[in-house]
């Protein structure tokens, strides 16, 4: 006997979230930190990265999570690799979970 295959459902599993506010805030904090270290204005970074300043502002405030294309563009405009930006994010994210730390 052959089993009849059920049709696949699209989308995320029930209850799954597409974003995590703590992760978004930590990534935004990493962008802000690296931008300030590079002494680049938000407007200049947005222009160099090819993204809207308002979009970059949302990313920096943790109100949005960028896709991989935006991560690569932002890191390139910061003069670093995407891996370096993600490493800074991880340091901030992990540090926020220790001793009551809070992501800025």
N, C-alpha and C. Protein backbone atom coordinates (compact mmCIF):
# COMPACT_ATOMS: atom_id res chain seq x y z
N UNK A 1 0.83 -1.19 0.00
CA UNK A 1 0.00 0.00 0.00
C UNK A 1 0.87 1.24 0.00
N UNK A 2 0.39 2.21 -0.71
CA UNK A 2 1.09 3.49 -0.76
C UNK A 2 0.36 4.50 0.11
N UNK A 3 1.16 5.23 0.88
CA UNK A 3 0.55 6.30 1.67
C UNK A 3 0.37 7.52 0.79
N UNK A 4 -0.70 8.21 1.04
CA UNK A 4 -0.95 9.45 0.31
C UNK A 4 -0.24 10.57 1.04
N UNK A 5 0.62 11.26 0.32
CA UNK A 5 1.38 12.35 0.93
C UNK A 5 0.46 13.54 1.18
N UNK A 6 0.62 14.12 2.36
CA UNK A 6 -0.15 15.32 2.68
C UNK A 6 0.53 16.51 2.03
N UNK A 7 -0.25 17.47 1.60
CA UNK A 7 0.37 18.66 1.01
C UNK A 7 1.14 19.44 2.08
N UNK A 8 2.25 20.01 1.68
CA UNK A 8 3.06 20.80 2.60
C UNK A 8 2.41 22.15 2.83
N UNK A 9 2.47 22.60 4.07
CA UNK A 9 1.96 23.92 4.39
C UNK A 9 3.12 24.90 4.35
N UNK A 10 2.86 26.07 3.81
CA UNK A 10 3.88 27.10 3.76
C UNK A 10 3.95 27.87 5.06
N UNK A 11 4.99 28.66 5.19
CA UNK A 11 5.11 29.53 6.35
C UNK A 11 5.82 28.90 7.52
N UNK A 12 5.82 29.62 8.62
CA UNK A 12 6.48 29.17 9.85
C UNK A 12 5.58 28.23 10.62
N UNK A 13 6.19 27.40 11.46
CA UNK A 13 5.39 26.56 12.35
C UNK A 13 4.56 27.43 13.29
N UNK A 14 3.44 26.91 13.74
CA UNK A 14 2.57 27.64 14.64
C UNK A 14 3.34 28.10 15.87
N UNK A 15 3.22 29.35 16.20
CA UNK A 15 3.88 29.91 17.38
C UNK A 15 5.30 30.38 17.16
N UNK A 16 5.87 30.09 15.99
CA UNK A 16 7.25 30.52 15.72
C UNK A 16 7.28 32.02 15.44
N UNK A 17 8.32 32.66 15.92
CA UNK A 17 8.47 34.09 15.69
C UNK A 17 9.54 34.32 14.63
N UNK A 18 9.37 35.39 13.87
CA UNK A 18 10.37 35.70 12.85
C UNK A 18 11.46 36.61 13.38
N UNK A 19 11.24 37.19 14.55
CA UNK A 19 12.28 38.04 15.12
C UNK A 19 12.27 37.92 16.63
N UNK A 20 13.37 38.34 17.23
CA UNK A 20 13.53 38.31 18.67
C UNK A 20 14.00 39.69 19.09
N UNK A 21 13.23 40.40 19.90
CA UNK A 21 13.59 41.78 20.25
C UNK A 21 14.97 41.91 20.90
N UNK A 22 15.37 40.97 21.73
CA UNK A 22 16.69 41.05 22.38
C UNK A 22 17.81 40.92 21.35
N UNK A 23 17.62 40.04 20.39
CA UNK A 23 18.61 39.87 19.34
C UNK A 23 18.68 41.13 18.48
N UNK A 24 17.52 41.67 18.13
CA UNK A 24 17.49 42.89 17.31
C UNK A 24 18.16 44.05 18.03
N UNK A 25 17.91 44.20 19.34
CA UNK A 25 18.54 45.30 20.10
C UNK A 25 20.05 45.11 20.18
N UNK A 26 20.51 43.88 20.39
CA UNK A 26 21.95 43.62 20.48
C UNK A 26 22.63 43.88 19.14
N UNK A 27 21.98 43.49 18.05
CA UNK A 27 22.58 43.76 16.74
C UNK A 27 22.63 45.26 16.49
N UNK A 28 21.56 45.95 16.81
CA UNK A 28 21.54 47.40 16.65
C UNK A 28 22.62 48.07 17.47
N UNK A 29 22.83 47.60 18.69
CA UNK A 29 23.88 48.16 19.55
C UNK A 29 25.26 47.91 18.94
N UNK A 30 25.44 46.77 18.30
CA UNK A 30 26.72 46.48 17.64
C UNK A 30 26.97 47.45 16.49
N UNK A 31 25.93 47.72 15.71
CA UNK A 31 26.06 48.66 14.59
C UNK A 31 26.40 50.05 15.12
N UNK A 32 25.67 50.50 16.14
CA UNK A 32 25.92 51.83 16.71
C UNK A 32 27.35 51.92 17.25
N UNK A 33 27.77 50.91 17.99
CA UNK A 33 29.11 50.91 18.58
C UNK A 33 30.18 51.00 17.50
N UNK A 34 30.06 50.17 16.48
CA UNK A 34 31.06 50.17 15.42
C UNK A 34 31.01 51.45 14.59
N UNK A 35 29.82 51.98 14.40
CA UNK A 35 29.70 53.24 13.65
C UNK A 35 30.37 54.37 14.41
N UNK A 36 30.14 54.43 15.70
CA UNK A 36 30.75 55.49 16.52
C UNK A 36 32.27 55.33 16.59
N UNK A 37 32.73 54.09 16.71
CA UNK A 37 34.18 53.84 16.72
C UNK A 37 34.82 54.30 15.42
N UNK A 38 34.09 54.14 14.31
CA UNK A 38 34.60 54.55 13.00
C UNK A 38 34.37 56.04 12.75
N UNK A 39 33.67 56.70 13.68
CA UNK A 39 33.35 58.13 13.57
C UNK A 39 32.62 58.45 12.27
N UNK A 40 31.59 57.65 12.03
CA UNK A 40 30.75 57.81 10.84
C UNK A 40 29.36 58.21 11.31
N UNK A 41 28.78 59.20 10.67
CA UNK A 41 27.41 59.59 11.01
C UNK A 41 26.44 58.53 10.51
N UNK A 42 25.28 58.51 11.11
CA UNK A 42 24.25 57.56 10.68
C UNK A 42 23.89 57.81 9.21
N UNK A 43 23.78 59.06 8.84
CA UNK A 43 23.43 59.40 7.46
C UNK A 43 24.51 58.94 6.48
N UNK A 44 25.77 59.15 6.82
CA UNK A 44 26.87 58.72 5.95
C UNK A 44 26.92 57.20 5.83
N UNK A 45 26.71 56.52 6.94
CA UNK A 45 26.72 55.05 6.90
C UNK A 45 25.59 54.54 6.02
N UNK A 46 24.41 55.10 6.19
CA UNK A 46 23.27 54.68 5.38
C UNK A 46 23.55 54.89 3.90
N UNK A 47 24.10 56.05 3.56
CA UNK A 47 24.41 56.37 2.17
C UNK A 47 25.44 55.38 1.61
N UNK A 48 26.50 55.14 2.36
CA UNK A 48 27.55 54.21 1.92
C UNK A 48 27.04 52.77 1.80
N UNK A 49 26.12 52.41 2.68
CA UNK A 49 25.58 51.04 2.67
C UNK A 49 24.46 50.85 1.65
N UNK A 50 23.95 51.96 1.12
CA UNK A 50 22.87 51.87 0.14
C UNK A 50 21.53 51.53 0.76
N UNK A 51 21.33 52.00 2.01
CA UNK A 51 20.04 51.79 2.68
C UNK A 51 19.50 53.15 3.12
N UNK A 52 18.21 53.22 3.34
CA UNK A 52 17.61 54.46 3.82
C UNK A 52 18.08 54.75 5.24
N UNK A 53 18.26 56.03 5.56
CA UNK A 53 18.66 56.41 6.91
C UNK A 53 17.62 55.97 7.92
N UNK A 54 16.35 56.06 7.55
CA UNK A 54 15.29 55.65 8.49
C UNK A 54 15.36 54.14 8.76
N UNK A 55 15.70 53.36 7.75
CA UNK A 55 15.87 51.91 7.94
C UNK A 55 17.04 51.64 8.87
N UNK A 56 18.17 52.32 8.64
CA UNK A 56 19.33 52.13 9.50
C UNK A 56 19.01 52.53 10.93
N UNK A 57 18.24 53.60 11.10
CA UNK A 57 17.83 54.02 12.44
C UNK A 57 17.02 52.95 13.14
N UNK A 58 16.12 52.31 12.41
CA UNK A 58 15.31 51.23 13.00
C UNK A 58 16.20 50.05 13.40
N UNK A 59 17.16 49.73 12.54
CA UNK A 59 18.09 48.64 12.87
C UNK A 59 18.87 48.99 14.13
N UNK A 60 19.39 50.22 14.19
CA UNK A 60 20.19 50.64 15.35
C UNK A 60 19.37 50.66 16.64
N UNK A 61 18.08 50.97 16.54
CA UNK A 61 17.22 50.99 17.73
C UNK A 61 16.68 49.61 18.09
N UNK A 62 16.96 48.61 17.26
CA UNK A 62 16.47 47.27 17.52
C UNK A 62 15.02 47.08 17.15
N UNK A 63 14.53 47.96 16.29
CA UNK A 63 13.13 47.87 15.86
C UNK A 63 12.97 47.01 14.62
N UNK A 64 14.06 46.58 14.06
CA UNK A 64 14.00 45.73 12.87
C UNK A 64 15.26 44.89 12.78
N UNK A 65 15.13 43.72 12.24
CA UNK A 65 16.28 42.83 12.06
C UNK A 65 16.63 42.81 10.57
N UNK A 66 17.84 43.20 10.22
CA UNK A 66 18.22 43.25 8.81
C UNK A 66 18.41 41.87 8.21
N UNK A 67 18.19 41.78 6.91
CA UNK A 67 18.47 40.52 6.22
C UNK A 67 19.97 40.45 5.93
N UNK A 68 20.42 39.35 5.39
CA UNK A 68 21.85 39.13 5.18
C UNK A 68 22.43 40.15 4.21
N UNK A 69 21.67 40.57 3.22
CA UNK A 69 22.16 41.57 2.27
C UNK A 69 22.46 42.87 3.00
N UNK A 70 21.55 43.30 3.86
CA UNK A 70 21.76 44.54 4.62
C UNK A 70 22.94 44.39 5.58
N UNK A 71 23.10 43.24 6.20
CA UNK A 71 24.24 43.02 7.11
C UNK A 71 25.55 43.18 6.35
N UNK A 72 25.64 42.59 5.17
CA UNK A 72 26.86 42.68 4.36
C UNK A 72 27.10 44.12 3.93
N UNK A 73 26.06 44.81 3.50
CA UNK A 73 26.22 46.21 3.06
C UNK A 73 26.63 47.11 4.22
N UNK A 74 26.00 46.94 5.37
CA UNK A 74 26.33 47.77 6.54
C UNK A 74 27.75 47.50 7.00
N UNK A 75 28.13 46.24 7.09
CA UNK A 75 29.49 45.92 7.54
C UNK A 75 30.53 46.46 6.56
N UNK A 76 30.26 46.33 5.28
CA UNK A 76 31.19 46.85 4.27
C UNK A 76 31.34 48.36 4.41
N UNK A 77 30.23 49.06 4.62
CA UNK A 77 30.27 50.51 4.79
C UNK A 77 30.99 50.90 6.08
N UNK A 78 30.99 50.01 7.07
CA UNK A 78 31.73 50.25 8.31
C UNK A 78 33.22 49.94 8.15
N UNK A 79 33.57 49.33 7.02
CA UNK A 79 34.96 48.98 6.78
C UNK A 79 35.39 47.70 7.46
N UNK A 80 34.44 46.82 7.71
CA UNK A 80 34.76 45.55 8.35
C UNK A 80 34.02 44.42 7.64
N UNK A 81 34.32 43.21 8.03
CA UNK A 81 33.63 42.06 7.47
C UNK A 81 32.30 41.84 8.19
N UNK A 82 31.42 41.12 7.54
CA UNK A 82 30.16 40.76 8.19
C UNK A 82 30.45 39.92 9.44
N UNK A 83 31.49 39.10 9.37
CA UNK A 83 31.86 38.27 10.52
C UNK A 83 32.26 39.13 11.71
N UNK A 84 32.98 40.22 11.46
CA UNK A 84 33.38 41.12 12.56
C UNK A 84 32.17 41.78 13.20
N UNK A 85 31.22 42.19 12.37
CA UNK A 85 30.00 42.81 12.90
C UNK A 85 29.20 41.80 13.72
N UNK A 86 29.09 40.59 13.21
CA UNK A 86 28.36 39.54 13.94
C UNK A 86 29.09 39.18 15.23
N UNK A 87 30.42 39.17 15.20
CA UNK A 87 31.17 38.88 16.43
C UNK A 87 30.90 39.95 17.48
N UNK A 88 30.86 41.22 17.08
CA UNK A 88 30.55 42.29 18.03
C UNK A 88 29.14 42.11 18.58
N UNK A 89 28.20 41.75 17.69
CA UNK A 89 26.83 41.47 18.13
C UNK A 89 26.82 40.38 19.19
N UNK A 90 27.55 39.29 18.93
CA UNK A 90 27.57 38.17 19.88
C UNK A 90 28.13 38.58 21.23
N UNK A 91 29.16 39.41 21.23
CA UNK A 91 29.74 39.89 22.49
C UNK A 91 28.70 40.68 23.28
N UNK A 92 27.98 41.54 22.60
CA UNK A 92 26.95 42.36 23.25
C UNK A 92 25.80 41.48 23.72
N UNK A 93 25.35 40.58 22.87
CA UNK A 93 24.21 39.72 23.19
C UNK A 93 24.52 38.82 24.37
N UNK A 94 25.69 38.20 24.36
CA UNK A 94 26.07 37.31 25.47
C UNK A 94 26.29 38.10 26.75
N UNK A 95 26.87 39.29 26.64
CA UNK A 95 27.11 40.12 27.80
C UNK A 95 25.83 40.61 28.44
N UNK A 96 24.78 40.76 27.65
CA UNK A 96 23.49 41.24 28.18
C UNK A 96 22.85 40.21 29.09
N UNK A 97 23.17 38.94 28.89
CA UNK A 97 22.57 37.90 29.71
C UNK A 97 23.28 37.64 31.02
N UNK A 98 24.41 38.32 31.23
CA UNK A 98 25.19 38.08 32.43
C UNK A 98 24.98 39.19 33.45
N UNK A 99 24.79 38.82 34.69
CA UNK A 99 24.68 39.75 35.80
C UNK A 99 23.67 40.87 35.55
N UNK A 100 22.55 40.51 34.99
CA UNK A 100 21.49 41.49 34.79
C UNK A 100 21.79 42.53 33.74
N UNK A 101 22.75 42.23 32.86
CA UNK A 101 23.09 43.18 31.80
C UNK A 101 21.91 43.45 30.90
N UNK A 102 21.87 44.62 30.35
CA UNK A 102 20.78 45.00 29.47
C UNK A 102 21.37 45.51 28.17
N UNK A 103 20.79 45.10 27.07
CA UNK A 103 21.23 45.61 25.78
C UNK A 103 20.79 47.06 25.69
N UNK A 104 21.73 47.96 25.37
CA UNK A 104 21.37 49.39 25.29
C UNK A 104 20.29 49.66 24.28
